[in-house]
């Protein structure tokens, strides 16, 4: 603080009009932006110290904010009282309403979802009838690429794959459906057993 006041006094005593083009910055060993900001503040407010800010200062230090952010990331079910107790152990006394550092980081307290019985889980998988249709890697010498041990057998007919699809919920299991042909969005949305599977999973709002 003493150094800042000394620099301000020296800058104002020099009274440069265009500070960025004058030798004042080099003489004071300060950046032109710093010198210019001090002069503009003096011309506008007739003072060089910072104005008092409105409202109470933040009770939670940046270190405390980082601590509670780590806590809620690792344990999302942490309560506000738990955070207050953690800060109290770190010698920072705040109320539950003062835990606003989380909101500044985009987090807010929400009720945990309890309506999983209304959610249906579904997925499909691809099963190759003749092994995996993918690239294999082998250890071989340079001239042994066509050695039968280093090649993958192929089939010209009957080597297709099957794609089964199924679903389940908290109240039941749907039917297993096989997709014919190449899977795409239209085929997935038009599954024959889709509505039947939903009914088997006991969703009361669906009718036959």
C-alpha atoms as a PDB file:
ATOM      1  CA  UNK A   1       0.000   0.000   0.000  1.00  0.00           C
ATOM      2  CA  UNK A   2       2.864   2.373   0.844  1.00  0.00           C
ATOM      3  CA  UNK A   3       4.534   1.657  -2.503  1.00  0.00           C
ATOM      4  CA  UNK A   4       1.265   2.309  -4.352  1.00  0.00           C
ATOM      5  CA  UNK A   5       0.755   5.678  -2.616  1.00  0.00           C
ATOM      6  CA  UNK A   6       4.350   6.655  -3.343  1.00  0.00           C
ATOM      7  CA  UNK A   7       3.986   5.813  -7.027  1.00  0.00           C
ATOM      8  CA  UNK A   8       0.726   7.778  -7.234  1.00  0.00           C
ATOM      9  CA  UNK A   9       2.370  10.837  -5.689  1.00  0.00           C
ATOM     10  CA  UNK A  10       5.288  10.652  -8.098  1.00  0.00           C
ATOM     11  CA  UNK A  11       3.003  10.282 -11.107  1.00  0.00           C
ATOM     12  CA  UNK A  12       0.810  13.225 -10.130  1.00  0.00           C
ATOM     13  CA  UNK A  13       3.827  15.412  -9.429  1.00  0.00           C
ATOM     14  CA  UNK A  14       5.165  14.767 -12.930  1.00  0.00           C
ATOM     15  CA  UNK A  15       1.772  15.680 -14.474  1.00  0.00           C
ATOM     16  CA  UNK A  16       2.297  14.299 -17.961  1.00  0.00           C
ATOM     17  CA  UNK A  17      -0.375  15.104 -20.535  1.00  0.00           C
ATOM     18  CA  UNK A  18       0.226  12.139 -22.865  1.00  0.00           C
ATOM     19  CA  UNK A  19       1.745   9.610 -20.542  1.00  0.00           C
ATOM     20  CA  UNK A  20       2.350   6.879 -23.123  1.00  0.00           C
ATOM     21  CA  UNK A  21       4.574   9.155 -25.227  1.00  0.00           C
ATOM     22  CA  UNK A  22       6.532  10.661 -22.338  1.00  0.00           C
ATOM     23  CA  UNK A  23       9.611   9.301 -20.579  1.00  0.00           C
ATOM     24  CA  UNK A  24       7.694   9.170 -17.296  1.00  0.00           C
ATOM     25  CA  UNK A  25       6.998   5.448 -17.462  1.00  0.00           C
ATOM     26  CA  UNK A  26      10.686   4.605 -17.760  1.00  0.00           C
ATOM     27  CA  UNK A  27      11.571   7.081 -15.043  1.00  0.00           C
ATOM     28  CA  UNK A  28       9.102   5.485 -12.598  1.00  0.00           C
ATOM     29  CA  UNK A  29       9.696   1.902 -13.782  1.00  0.00           C
ATOM     30  CA  UNK A  30       5.938   1.451 -14.198  1.00  0.00           C
ATOM     31  CA  UNK A  31       3.814   0.316 -17.134  1.00  0.00           C
ATOM     32  CA  UNK A  32       2.107   2.955 -19.251  1.00  0.00           C
ATOM     33  CA  UNK A  33      -1.284   1.387 -18.539  1.00  0.00           C
ATOM     34  CA  UNK A  34      -0.719   1.668 -14.776  1.00  0.00           C
ATOM     35  CA  UNK A  35       0.353   5.287 -14.997  1.00  0.00           C
ATOM     36  CA  UNK A  36      -2.521   6.167 -17.317  1.00  0.00           C
ATOM     37  CA  UNK A  37      -5.097   4.511 -15.046  1.00  0.00           C
ATOM     38  CA  UNK A  38      -3.874   6.467 -12.012  1.00  0.00           C
ATOM     39  CA  UNK A  39      -4.001   9.796 -13.858  1.00  0.00           C
ATOM     40  CA  UNK A  40      -7.499   9.104 -15.236  1.00  0.00           C
ATOM     41  CA  UNK A  41      -8.731   8.193 -11.762  1.00  0.00           C
ATOM     42  CA  UNK A  42      -7.280  11.419 -10.324  1.00  0.00           C
ATOM     43  CA  UNK A  43      -8.837  13.589 -13.046  1.00  0.00           C
ATOM     44  CA  UNK A  44     -12.246  11.990 -12.592  1.00  0.00           C
ATOM     45  CA  UNK A  45     -12.500  11.466  -8.822  1.00  0.00           C
ATOM     46  CA  UNK A  46      -9.681  13.667  -7.425  1.00  0.00           C
ATOM     47  CA  UNK A  47      -8.390  10.625  -5.559  1.00  0.00           C
ATOM     48  CA  UNK A  48      -6.126   7.660  -6.275  1.00  0.00           C
ATOM     49  CA  UNK A  49      -7.315   5.137  -3.701  1.00  0.00           C
ATOM     50  CA  UNK A  50      -9.982   2.607  -4.626  1.00  0.00           C
ATOM     51  CA  UNK A  51     -13.573   3.486  -3.786  1.00  0.00           C
ATOM     52  CA  UNK A  52     -15.230   1.372  -1.087  1.00  0.00           C
ATOM     53  CA  UNK A  53     -17.355  -1.305  -2.709  1.00  0.00           C
ATOM     54  CA  UNK A  54     -21.048  -1.683  -1.959  1.00  0.00           C
ATOM     55  CA  UNK A  55     -22.230  -4.520   0.253  1.00  0.00           C
ATOM     56  CA  UNK A  56     -20.359  -6.669   2.722  1.00  0.00           C
ATOM     57  CA  UNK A  57     -17.115  -8.283   1.592  1.00  0.00           C
ATOM     58  CA  UNK A  58     -17.232 -11.969   0.732  1.00  0.00           C
ATOM     59  CA  UNK A  59     -16.688 -14.051   3.856  1.00  0.00           C
ATOM     60  CA  UNK A  60     -15.514 -17.097   1.921  1.00  0.00           C
ATOM     61  CA  UNK A  61     -11.938 -16.816   0.707  1.00  0.00           C
ATOM     62  CA  UNK A  62     -10.916 -18.151  -2.724  1.00  0.00           C
ATOM     63  CA  UNK A  63      -9.282 -21.076  -0.935  1.00  0.00           C
ATOM     64  CA  UNK A  64     -12.501 -21.814   0.942  1.00  0.00           C
ATOM     65  CA  UNK A  65     -14.500 -21.613  -2.286  1.00  0.00           C
ATOM     66  CA  UNK A  66     -12.152 -24.121  -3.912  1.00  0.00           C
ATOM     67  CA  UNK A  67     -12.533 -26.418  -0.916  1.00  0.00           C
ATOM     68  CA  UNK A  68     -16.333 -26.534  -1.064  1.00  0.00           C
ATOM     69  CA  UNK A  69     -16.260 -26.914  -4.862  1.00  0.00           C
ATOM     70  CA  UNK A  70     -14.085 -30.011  -4.510  1.00  0.00           C
ATOM     71  CA  UNK A  71     -16.395 -31.334  -1.807  1.00  0.00           C
ATOM     72  CA  UNK A  72     -19.589 -31.080  -3.874  1.00  0.00           C
ATOM     73  CA  UNK A  73     -17.898 -32.483  -6.996  1.00  0.00           C
ATOM     74  CA  UNK A  74     -16.724 -35.546  -5.090  1.00  0.00           C
ATOM     75  CA  UNK A  75     -19.907 -35.858  -2.993  1.00  0.00           C
ATOM     76  CA  UNK A  76     -22.923 -34.283  -4.768  1.00  0.00           C
ATOM     77  CA  UNK A  77     -25.224 -35.208  -1.859  1.00  0.00           C
ATOM     78  CA  UNK A  78     -23.367 -32.883   0.502  1.00  0.00           C
ATOM     79  CA  UNK A  79     -25.779 -30.596   2.382  1.00  0.00           C
ATOM     80  CA  UNK A  80     -25.360 -26.894   3.030  1.00  0.00           C
ATOM     81  CA  UNK A  81     -24.909 -27.647   6.730  1.00  0.00           C
ATOM     82  CA  UNK A  82     -22.011 -29.970   5.885  1.00  0.00           C
ATOM     83  CA  UNK A  83     -20.346 -27.158   3.947  1.00  0.00           C
ATOM     84  CA  UNK A  84     -20.938 -24.710   6.803  1.00  0.00           C
ATOM     85  CA  UNK A  85     -19.325 -27.175   9.228  1.00  0.00           C
ATOM     86  CA  UNK A  86     -16.338 -27.687   6.923  1.00  0.00           C
ATOM     87  CA  UNK A  87     -15.770 -23.932   6.666  1.00  0.00           C
ATOM     88  CA  UNK A  88     -16.146 -23.576  10.422  1.00  0.00           C
ATOM     89  CA  UNK A  89     -13.388 -26.125  10.944  1.00  0.00           C
ATOM     90  CA  UNK A  90     -11.294 -23.973   8.594  1.00  0.00           C
ATOM     91  CA  UNK A  91     -11.997 -20.978  10.903  1.00  0.00           C
ATOM     92  CA  UNK A  92     -14.543 -19.364   8.564  1.00  0.00           C
ATOM     93  CA  UNK A  93     -17.978 -18.817  10.106  1.00  0.00           C
ATOM     94  CA  UNK A  94     -20.804 -18.408   7.591  1.00  0.00           C
ATOM     95  CA  UNK A  95     -24.515 -19.189   7.411  1.00  0.00           C
ATOM     96  CA  UNK A  96     -26.247 -21.529   4.970  1.00  0.00           C
ATOM     97  CA  UNK A  97     -27.328 -18.559   2.849  1.00  0.00           C
ATOM     98  CA  UNK A  98     -23.694 -17.508   2.473  1.00  0.00           C
ATOM     99  CA  UNK A  99     -22.857 -20.624   0.475  1.00  0.00           C
ATOM    100  CA  UNK A 100     -23.203 -18.686  -2.782  1.00  0.00           C
ATOM    101  CA  UNK A 101     -19.805 -19.558  -4.209  1.00  0.00           C
ATOM    102  CA  UNK A 102     -21.397 -22.646  -5.741  1.00  0.00           C
ATOM    103  CA  UNK A 103     -23.840 -20.568  -7.780  1.00  0.00           C
ATOM    104  CA  UNK A 104     -20.998 -18.494  -9.200  1.00  0.00           C
ATOM    105  CA  UNK A 105     -19.530 -21.741 -10.510  1.00  0.00           C
ATOM    106  CA  UNK A 106     -22.825 -22.805 -12.112  1.00  0.00           C
ATOM    107  CA  UNK A 107     -23.937 -25.240  -9.394  1.00  0.00           C
ATOM    108  CA  UNK A 108     -27.208 -25.173  -7.490  1.00  0.00           C
ATOM    109  CA  UNK A 109     -28.944 -27.387  -4.981  1.00  0.00           C
ATOM    110  CA  UNK A 110     -31.484 -29.718  -6.591  1.00  0.00           C
ATOM    111  CA  UNK A 111     -33.641 -32.584  -5.427  1.00  0.00           C
ATOM    112  CA  UNK A 112     -32.284 -35.992  -6.355  1.00  0.00           C
ATOM    113  CA  UNK A 113     -34.353 -37.777  -8.990  1.00  0.00           C
ATOM    114  CA  UNK A 114     -36.664 -40.379  -7.483  1.00  0.00           C
ATOM    115  CA  UNK A 115     -38.947 -41.218 -10.421  1.00  0.00           C
ATOM    116  CA  UNK A 116     -36.792 -43.899 -11.992  1.00  0.00           C
ATOM    117  CA  UNK A 117     -39.874 -46.128 -12.284  1.00  0.00           C
ATOM    118  CA  UNK A 118     -40.960 -43.915 -15.208  1.00  0.00           C
ATOM    119  CA  UNK A 119     -37.729 -44.476 -17.127  1.00  0.00           C
ATOM    120  CA  UNK A 120     -37.246 -47.236 -19.684  1.00  0.00           C
ATOM    121  CA  UNK A 121     -33.751 -48.450 -20.492  1.00  0.00           C
ATOM    122  CA  UNK A 122     -33.049 -49.865 -23.943  1.00  0.00           C
ATOM    123  CA  UNK A 123     -30.040 -50.879 -25.982  1.00  0.00           C
ATOM    124  CA  UNK A 124     -29.029 -52.981 -28.943  1.00  0.00           C
ATOM    125  CA  UNK A 125     -25.916 -54.995 -29.755  1.00  0.00           C
ATOM    126  CA  UNK A 126     -24.320 -56.369 -32.889  1.00  0.00           C
ATOM    127  CA  UNK A 127     -23.384 -60.066 -32.932  1.00  0.00           C
ATOM    128  CA  UNK A 128     -21.228 -61.424 -35.756  1.00  0.00           C
ATOM    129  CA  UNK A 129     -22.222 -64.957 -36.774  1.00  0.00           C
ATOM    130  CA  UNK A 130     -18.748 -65.627 -38.180  1.00  0.00           C
ATOM    131  CA  UNK A 131     -16.487 -63.922 -35.681  1.00  0.00           C
ATOM    132  CA  UNK A 132     -15.700 -60.257 -35.415  1.00  0.00           C
ATOM    133  CA  UNK A 133     -15.753 -58.332 -38.687  1.00  0.00           C
ATOM    134  CA  UNK A 134     -12.876 -56.072 -37.793  1.00  0.00           C
ATOM    135  CA  UNK A 135      -9.176 -55.632 -38.442  1.00  0.00           C
ATOM    136  CA  UNK A 136      -6.906 -58.074 -36.630  1.00  0.00           C
ATOM    137  CA  UNK A 137      -3.220 -57.576 -35.937  1.00  0.00           C
ATOM    138  CA  UNK A 138      -0.644 -60.390 -36.043  1.00  0.00           C
ATOM    139  CA  UNK A 139       3.072 -60.710 -35.400  1.00  0.00           C
ATOM    140  CA  UNK A 140       4.808 -61.850 -38.597  1.00  0.00           C
ATOM    141  CA  UNK A 141       7.857 -61.357 -40.744  1.00  0.00           C
ATOM    142  CA  UNK A 142       7.808 -59.138 -43.820  1.00  0.00           C
ATOM    143  CA  UNK A 143       7.325 -61.942 -46.376  1.00  0.00           C
ATOM    144  CA  UNK A 144       4.774 -63.999 -44.383  1.00  0.00           C
ATOM    145  CA  UNK A 145       1.615 -61.929 -44.987  1.00  0.00           C
ATOM    146  CA  UNK A 146      -0.130 -64.765 -46.892  1.00  0.00           C
ATOM    147  CA  UNK A 147       0.759 -67.525 -44.478  1.00  0.00           C
ATOM    148  CA  UNK A 148      -2.566 -69.167 -43.393  1.00  0.00           C
ATOM    149  CA  UNK A 149      -1.619 -68.547 -39.779  1.00  0.00           C
ATOM    150  CA  UNK A 150      -1.485 -64.817 -40.513  1.00  0.00           C
ATOM    151  CA  UNK A 151      -4.751 -64.483 -42.459  1.00  0.00           C
ATOM    152  CA  UNK A 152      -8.391 -64.237 -41.393  1.00  0.00           C
ATOM    153  CA  UNK A 153     -10.825 -66.775 -42.922  1.00  0.00           C
ATOM    154  CA  UNK A 154     -13.770 -65.182 -44.725  1.00  0.00           C
ATOM    155  CA  UNK A 155     -17.158 -66.477 -45.818  1.00  0.00           C
ATOM    156  CA  UNK A 156     -19.068 -65.424 -48.929  1.00  0.00           C
ATOM    157  CA  UNK A 157     -22.540 -66.598 -47.882  1.00  0.00           C
ATOM    158  CA  UNK A 158     -24.246 -66.767 -44.512  1.00  0.00           C
ATOM    159  CA  UNK A 159     -21.771 -64.546 -42.733  1.00  0.00           C
ATOM    160  CA  UNK A 160     -24.176 -61.781 -41.821  1.00  0.00           C
ATOM    161  CA  UNK A 161     -24.674 -60.400 -38.334  1.00  0.00           C
ATOM    162  CA  UNK A 162     -27.727 -60.094 -36.109  1.00  0.00           C
ATOM    163  CA  UNK A 163     -28.753 -57.044 -34.099  1.00  0.00           C
ATOM    164  CA  UNK A 164     -30.982 -57.826 -31.100  1.00  0.00           C
ATOM    165  CA  UNK A 165     -32.726 -55.000 -29.221  1.00  0.00           C
ATOM    166  CA  UNK A 166     -34.267 -55.127 -25.761  1.00  0.00           C
ATOM    167  CA  UNK A 167     -35.610 -52.892 -23.018  1.00  0.00           C
ATOM    168  CA  UNK A 168     -36.500 -52.986 -19.338  1.00  0.00           C
ATOM    169  CA  UNK A 169     -37.804 -50.739 -16.590  1.00  0.00           C
ATOM    170  CA  UNK A 170     -38.192 -50.914 -12.832  1.00  0.00           C
ATOM    171  CA  UNK A 171     -41.471 -52.815 -13.302  1.00  0.00           C
ATOM    172  CA  UNK A 172     -40.798 -55.273 -16.078  1.00  0.00           C
ATOM    173  CA  UNK A 173     -38.805 -56.564 -19.045  1.00  0.00           C
ATOM    174  CA  UNK A 174     -39.721 -55.967 -22.683  1.00  0.00           C
ATOM    175  CA  UNK A 175     -39.529 -58.388 -25.580  1.00  0.00           C
ATOM    176  CA  UNK A 176     -36.313 -59.133 -27.427  1.00  0.00           C
ATOM    177  CA  UNK A 177     -36.535 -57.872 -31.008  1.00  0.00           C
ATOM    178  CA  UNK A 178     -34.225 -58.636 -33.924  1.00  0.00           C
ATOM    179  CA  UNK A 179     -33.534 -55.967 -36.504  1.00  0.00           C
ATOM    180  CA  UNK A 180     -33.341 -57.132 -40.100  1.00  0.00           C
ATOM    181  CA  UNK A 181     -30.853 -55.526 -42.454  1.00  0.00           C
ATOM    182  CA  UNK A 182     -28.663 -52.527 -41.792  1.00  0.00           C
ATOM    183  CA  UNK A 183     -29.461 -50.522 -38.679  1.00  0.00           C
ATOM    184  CA  UNK A 184     -30.546 -46.905 -39.221  1.00  0.00           C
ATOM    185  CA  UNK A 185     -32.737 -44.345 -37.478  1.00  0.00           C
ATOM    186  CA  UNK A 186     -35.909 -45.227 -39.382  1.00  0.00           C
ATOM    187  CA  UNK A 187     -35.522 -48.927 -38.611  1.00  0.00           C
ATOM    188  CA  UNK A 188     -34.865 -48.237 -34.930  1.00  0.00           C
ATOM    189  CA  UNK A 189     -37.905 -45.985 -34.486  1.00  0.00           C
ATOM    190  CA  UNK A 190     -40.142 -48.408 -36.400  1.00  0.00           C
ATOM    191  CA  UNK A 191     -39.370 -51.515 -34.361  1.00  0.00           C
ATOM    192  CA  UNK A 192     -42.354 -53.886 -34.501  1.00  0.00           C
ATOM    193  CA  UNK A 193     -42.214 -54.859 -30.845  1.00  0.00           C
ATOM    194  CA  UNK A 194     -41.499 -51.383 -29.497  1.00  0.00           C
ATOM    195  CA  UNK A 195     -44.999 -50.562 -28.236  1.00  0.00           C
ATOM    196  CA  UNK A 196     -45.517 -54.112 -26.993  1.00  0.00           C
ATOM    197  CA  UNK A 197     -42.272 -53.890 -25.051  1.00  0.00           C
ATOM    198  CA  UNK A 198     -43.401 -50.650 -23.452  1.00  0.00           C
ATOM    199  CA  UNK A 199     -46.633 -52.300 -22.362  1.00  0.00           C
ATOM    200  CA  UNK A 200     -44.714 -55.244 -20.941  1.00  0.00           C
ATOM    201  CA  UNK A 201     -42.592 -52.778 -18.991  1.00  0.00           C
ATOM    202  CA  UNK A 202     -45.911 -51.609 -17.460  1.00  0.00           C
ATOM    203  CA  UNK A 203     -46.164 -47.998 -18.558  1.00  0.00           C
ATOM    204  CA  UNK A 204     -49.850 -47.283 -17.763  1.00  0.00           C
ATOM    205  CA  UNK A 205     -50.185 -44.265 -20.071  1.00  0.00           C
ATOM    206  CA  UNK A 206     -49.724 -46.415 -23.202  1.00  0.00           C
ATOM    207  CA  UNK A 207     -52.662 -48.252 -24.739  1.00  0.00           C
ATOM    208  CA  UNK A 208     -52.796 -51.024 -27.292  1.00  0.00           C
END
